[in-house]
C-alpha atoms as a PDB file:
ATOM      1  CA  MET A   1      58.301 -20.772 -18.750  1.00  0.00           C
ATOM      2  CA  LYS A   2      56.572 -18.940 -21.601  1.00  0.00           C
ATOM      3  CA  LYS A   3      53.539 -21.160 -21.042  1.00  0.00           C
ATOM      4  CA  LEU A   4      53.187 -19.921 -17.425  1.00  0.00           C
ATOM      5  CA  LEU A   5      53.396 -16.243 -18.429  1.00  0.00           C
ATOM      6  CA  ASP A   6      50.688 -16.550 -21.069  1.00  0.00           C
ATOM      7  CA  GLU A   7      48.016 -17.917 -18.710  1.00  0.00           C
ATOM      8  CA  LYS A   8      45.052 -15.573 -18.238  1.00  0.00           C
ATOM      9  CA  GLY A   9      43.377 -15.093 -14.836  1.00  0.00           C
ATOM     10  CA  PHE A  10      43.134 -12.924 -11.744  1.00  0.00           C
ATOM     11  CA  THR A  11      46.030 -12.503  -9.388  1.00  0.00           C
ATOM     12  CA  LEU A  12      45.593 -12.754  -5.637  1.00  0.00           C
ATOM     13  CA  ILE A  13      45.875  -8.953  -5.256  1.00  0.00           C
ATOM     14  CA  GLU A  14      43.177  -8.312  -7.877  1.00  0.00           C
ATOM     15  CA  THR A  15      40.845 -10.828  -6.225  1.00  0.00           C
ATOM     16  CA  LEU A  16      41.372  -9.329  -2.763  1.00  0.00           C
ATOM     17  CA  PHE A  17      40.846  -5.810  -4.098  1.00  0.00           C
ATOM     18  CA  SER A  18      37.553  -6.761  -5.778  1.00  0.00           C
ATOM     19  CA  LEU A  19      36.408  -8.596  -2.641  1.00  0.00           C
ATOM     20  CA  VAL A  20      37.154  -5.563  -0.423  1.00  0.00           C
ATOM     21  CA  LEU A  21      35.377  -3.257  -2.879  1.00  0.00           C
ATOM     22  CA  PHE A  22      32.341  -5.558  -2.949  1.00  0.00           C
ATOM     23  CA  LEU A  23      32.179  -5.736   0.858  1.00  0.00           C
ATOM     24  CA  MET A  24      32.396  -1.945   1.157  1.00  0.00           C
ATOM     25  CA  ILE A  25      29.509  -1.496  -1.277  1.00  0.00           C
ATOM     26  CA  ILE A  26      27.396  -4.046   0.638  1.00  0.00           C
ATOM     27  CA  ALA A  27      28.164  -2.371   3.988  1.00  0.00           C
ATOM     28  CA  ILE A  28      27.204   1.089   2.715  1.00  0.00           C
ATOM     29  CA  THR A  29      24.043  -0.185   1.022  1.00  0.00           C
ATOM     30  CA  THR A  30      22.729  -2.133   4.013  1.00  0.00           C
ATOM     31  CA  SER A  31      23.375   0.645   6.523  1.00  0.00           C
ATOM     32  CA  SER A  32      21.717   3.271   4.330  1.00  0.00           C
ATOM     33  CA  LEU A  33      18.797   0.932   3.617  1.00  0.00           C
ATOM     34  CA  LYS A  34      18.342   0.272   7.337  1.00  0.00           C
ATOM     35  CA  SER A  35      18.204   3.992   8.139  1.00  0.00           C
ATOM     36  CA  PHE A  36      15.799   4.556   5.243  1.00  0.00           C
ATOM     37  CA  VAL A  37      13.431   1.856   6.478  1.00  0.00           C
ATOM     38  CA  LYS A  38      13.645   3.061  10.098  1.00  0.00           C
ATOM     39  CA  ARG A  39      12.916   6.650   9.041  1.00  0.00           C
ATOM     40  CA  ASN A  40       9.832   5.652   7.034  1.00  0.00           C
ATOM     41  CA  TYR A  41       8.332   3.298   9.619  1.00  0.00           C
ATOM     42  CA  ARG A  42       6.317   4.824  12.425  1.00  0.00           C
ATOM     43  CA  TYR A  43       6.239   2.458  15.377  1.00  0.00           C
ATOM     44  CA  GLU A  44       3.142   3.934  16.932  1.00  0.00           C
ATOM     45  CA  SER A  45       0.901   3.750  13.888  1.00  0.00           C
ATOM     46  CA  VAL A  46      -1.509   0.992  13.016  1.00  0.00           C
ATOM     47  CA  ASN A  47      -0.225  -1.605  10.600  1.00  0.00           C
ATOM     48  CA  LYS A  48      -2.589  -1.417   7.603  1.00  0.00           C
ATOM     49  CA  LEU A  49      -2.391  -5.158   6.973  1.00  0.00           C
ATOM     50  CA  GLU A  50      -3.171  -5.871  10.624  1.00  0.00           C
ATOM     51  CA  LEU A  51      -6.145  -3.479  10.473  1.00  0.00           C
ATOM     52  CA  ASP A  52      -7.493  -5.170   7.346  1.00  0.00           C
ATOM     53  CA  ASN A  53      -7.121  -8.589   8.970  1.00  0.00           C
ATOM     54  CA  PHE A  54      -8.952  -7.328  12.064  1.00  0.00           C
ATOM     55  CA  ILE A  55     -11.850  -6.022   9.968  1.00  0.00           C
ATOM     56  CA  LYS A  56     -12.042  -9.275   7.979  1.00  0.00           C
ATOM     57  CA  GLU A  57     -12.010 -11.317  11.168  1.00  0.00           C
ATOM     58  CA  VAL A  58     -14.841  -9.259  12.669  1.00  0.00           C
ATOM     59  CA  GLN A  59     -16.733  -9.534   9.361  1.00  0.00           C
ATOM     60  CA  LYS A  60     -16.348 -13.312   9.434  1.00  0.00           C
ATOM     61  CA  GLU A  61     -17.421 -13.435  13.093  1.00  0.00           C
ATOM     62  CA  ALA A  62     -20.474 -11.333  12.264  1.00  0.00           C
ATOM     63  CA  ASN A  63     -21.446 -13.612   9.381  1.00  0.00           C
ATOM     64  CA  ILE A  64     -21.312 -16.829  11.420  1.00  0.00           C
ATOM     65  CA  SER A  65     -22.944 -15.466  14.582  1.00  0.00           C
ATOM     66  CA  SER A  66     -26.592 -15.829  15.492  1.00  0.00           C
ATOM     67  CA  SER A  67     -26.810 -12.406  17.187  1.00  0.00           C
ATOM     68  CA  TYR A  68     -24.713  -9.392  18.020  1.00  0.00           C
ATOM     69  CA  LYS A  69     -24.747  -6.270  20.169  1.00  0.00           C
ATOM     70  CA  VAL A  70     -22.805  -3.090  19.563  1.00  0.00           C
ATOM     71  CA  TYR A  71     -21.549  -1.074  22.513  1.00  0.00           C
ATOM     72  CA  SER A  72     -19.374   2.011  22.177  1.00  0.00           C
ATOM     73  CA  ASP A  73     -16.335   0.183  23.546  1.00  0.00           C
ATOM     74  CA  MET A  74     -17.144  -3.455  22.735  1.00  0.00           C
ATOM     75  CA  LEU A  75     -18.569  -5.789  20.113  1.00  0.00           C
ATOM     76  CA  LEU A  76     -20.430  -8.831  21.410  1.00  0.00           C
ATOM     77  CA  PHE A  77     -21.264 -11.744  19.128  1.00  0.00           C
ATOM     78  CA  GLU A  78     -23.071 -14.954  20.046  1.00  0.00           C
ATOM     79  CA  ASP A  79     -22.670 -18.061  17.952  1.00  0.00           C
ATOM     80  CA  TYR A  80     -25.429 -20.624  17.491  1.00  0.00           C
ATOM     81  CA  ALA A  81     -24.395 -22.430  20.697  1.00  0.00           C
ATOM     82  CA  HIS A  82     -24.851 -19.098  22.579  1.00  0.00           C
ATOM     83  CA  VAL A  83     -21.108 -18.765  23.220  1.00  0.00           C
ATOM     84  CA  PRO A  84     -20.213 -15.062  23.654  1.00  0.00           C
ATOM     85  CA  ILE A  85     -17.284 -13.649  21.676  1.00  0.00           C
ATOM     86  CA  THR A  86     -16.132 -10.116  22.441  1.00  0.00           C
ATOM     87  CA  TYR A  87     -13.803  -7.597  20.825  1.00  0.00           C
ATOM     88  CA  ARG A  88     -12.670  -4.846  23.168  1.00  0.00           C
ATOM     89  CA  LYS A  89      -9.746  -2.546  23.913  1.00  0.00           C
ATOM     90  CA  TYR A  90      -7.210  -3.535  26.537  1.00  0.00           C
ATOM     91  CA  ALA A  91      -4.349  -1.045  27.095  1.00  0.00           C
ATOM     92  CA  THR A  92      -3.066  -0.343  23.545  1.00  0.00           C
ATOM     93  CA  ILE A  93      -4.404  -3.506  21.906  1.00  0.00           C
ATOM     94  CA  ILE A  94      -7.720  -4.920  20.759  1.00  0.00           C
ATOM     95  CA  ARG A  95      -8.298  -8.415  22.012  1.00  0.00           C
ATOM     96  CA  ARG A  96     -10.751 -11.146  21.142  1.00  0.00           C
ATOM     97  CA  GLN A  97     -12.163 -13.255  23.944  1.00  0.00           C
ATOM     98  CA  LYS A  98     -14.367 -16.310  23.799  1.00  0.00           C
ATOM     99  CA  LEU A  99     -16.455 -17.051  26.909  1.00  0.00           C
ATOM    100  CA  GLY A 100     -14.690 -14.150  28.630  1.00  0.00           C
ATOM    101  CA  THR A 101     -11.385 -16.026  28.630  1.00  0.00           C
ATOM    102  CA  GLY A 102      -8.330 -15.987  26.445  1.00  0.00           C
ATOM    103  CA  HIS A 103      -6.372 -13.080  25.174  1.00  0.00           C
ATOM    104  CA  GLU A 104      -6.078 -13.187  21.389  1.00  0.00           C
ATOM    105  CA  ILE A 105      -4.501  -9.947  20.166  1.00  0.00           C
ATOM    106  CA  VAL A 106      -6.100  -8.823  16.899  1.00  0.00           C
ATOM    107  CA  LEU A 107      -4.885  -5.199  16.632  1.00  0.00           C
ATOM    108  CA  GLN A 108      -2.014  -3.243  18.221  1.00  0.00           C
ATOM    109  CA  ASN A 109      -0.893   0.381  18.772  1.00  0.00           C
ATOM    110  CA  ILE A 110      -4.394   1.659  19.529  1.00  0.00           C
ATOM    111  CA  ARG A 111      -5.194   4.786  21.509  1.00  0.00           C
ATOM    112  CA  ASP A 112      -8.950   4.436  21.144  1.00  0.00           C
ATOM    113  CA  ILE A 113     -11.580   2.406  19.320  1.00  0.00           C
ATOM    114  CA  GLU A 114     -15.254   3.144  18.970  1.00  0.00           C
ATOM    115  CA  TYR A 115     -18.005   0.930  17.623  1.00  0.00           C
ATOM    116  CA  SER A 116     -21.354   2.263  16.450  1.00  0.00           C
ATOM    117  CA  GLN A 117     -24.278   0.890  14.515  1.00  0.00           C
ATOM    118  CA  ASN A 118     -24.864   2.840  11.300  1.00  0.00           C
ATOM    119  CA  TYR A 119     -27.938   1.097  10.015  1.00  0.00           C
ATOM    120  CA  GLN A 120     -29.751  -2.081  10.956  1.00  0.00           C
ATOM    121  CA  SER A 121     -27.034  -4.295   9.496  1.00  0.00           C
ATOM    122  CA  GLN A 122     -23.868  -2.170   9.511  1.00  0.00           C
ATOM    123  CA  ILE A 123     -21.258  -1.594  12.193  1.00  0.00           C
ATOM    124  CA  LEU A 124     -18.894   1.370  11.945  1.00  0.00           C
ATOM    125  CA  VAL A 125     -15.481   0.792  13.517  1.00  0.00           C
ATOM    126  CA  LYS A 126     -13.436   3.922  14.215  1.00  0.00           C
ATOM    127  CA  VAL A 127      -9.814   3.313  15.277  1.00  0.00           C
ATOM    128  CA  VAL A 128      -7.389   5.977  16.559  1.00  0.00           C
ATOM    129  CA  ASP A 129      -3.738   4.922  16.669  1.00  0.00           C
ATOM    130  CA  LEU A 130      -1.064   6.182  19.065  1.00  0.00           C
ATOM    131  CA  ASN A 131       0.014   8.890  16.576  1.00  0.00           C
ATOM    132  CA  GLY A 132      -3.535  10.224  16.274  1.00  0.00           C
ATOM    133  CA  GLY A 133      -4.255   8.639  12.887  1.00  0.00           C
ATOM    134  CA  ILE A 134      -7.944   7.867  12.391  1.00  0.00           C
ATOM    135  CA  TYR A 135      -9.201   4.858  10.445  1.00  0.00           C
ATOM    136  CA  GLU A 136     -12.863   4.095   9.806  1.00  0.00           C
ATOM    137  CA  LYS A 137     -14.235   0.861   8.402  1.00  0.00           C
ATOM    138  CA  THR A 138     -17.768  -0.400   7.889  1.00  0.00           C
ATOM    139  CA  ILE A 139     -18.730  -3.996   8.552  1.00  0.00           C
ATOM    140  CA  ARG A 140     -21.909  -5.441   7.096  1.00  0.00           C
ATOM    141  CA  VAL A 141     -23.653  -7.990   9.243  1.00  0.00           C
ATOM    142  CA  PHE A 142     -25.676 -10.807   7.690  1.00  0.00           C
ATOM    143  CA  THR A 143     -27.315 -12.481  10.700  1.00  0.00           C
ATOM    144  CA  ASN A 144     -30.799 -13.935  10.848  1.00  0.00           C
END
């Protein structure tokens, strides 16, 4: 009998109490973290990573194209097989189209986008998101 009383360990009540305490801490932490993330994320703004990927994709397209034309609302690239590739606004997205078909979304939450040619080999891209945030990026074009 003395051997049973000397054993060390947690009782069922202590284990249940620690489990309930742990679950309460997890519940409070996750709900407060969720509200913190929701408060700091603006759904109508441009995702910076998505914007950087868009600029890099246009840069890559410009580097492998044989010619390009800059319009205020559209970029037109032609590859060496004379296949047209366009980037233009459609509703609140920017889409890439090859041969005037397809619908590859490259940027979202856009109110307006404007393309202009700075110098002979530079394209300025000005993006306005749905919150009114303005982002400007320059793309250097290395075509022959």
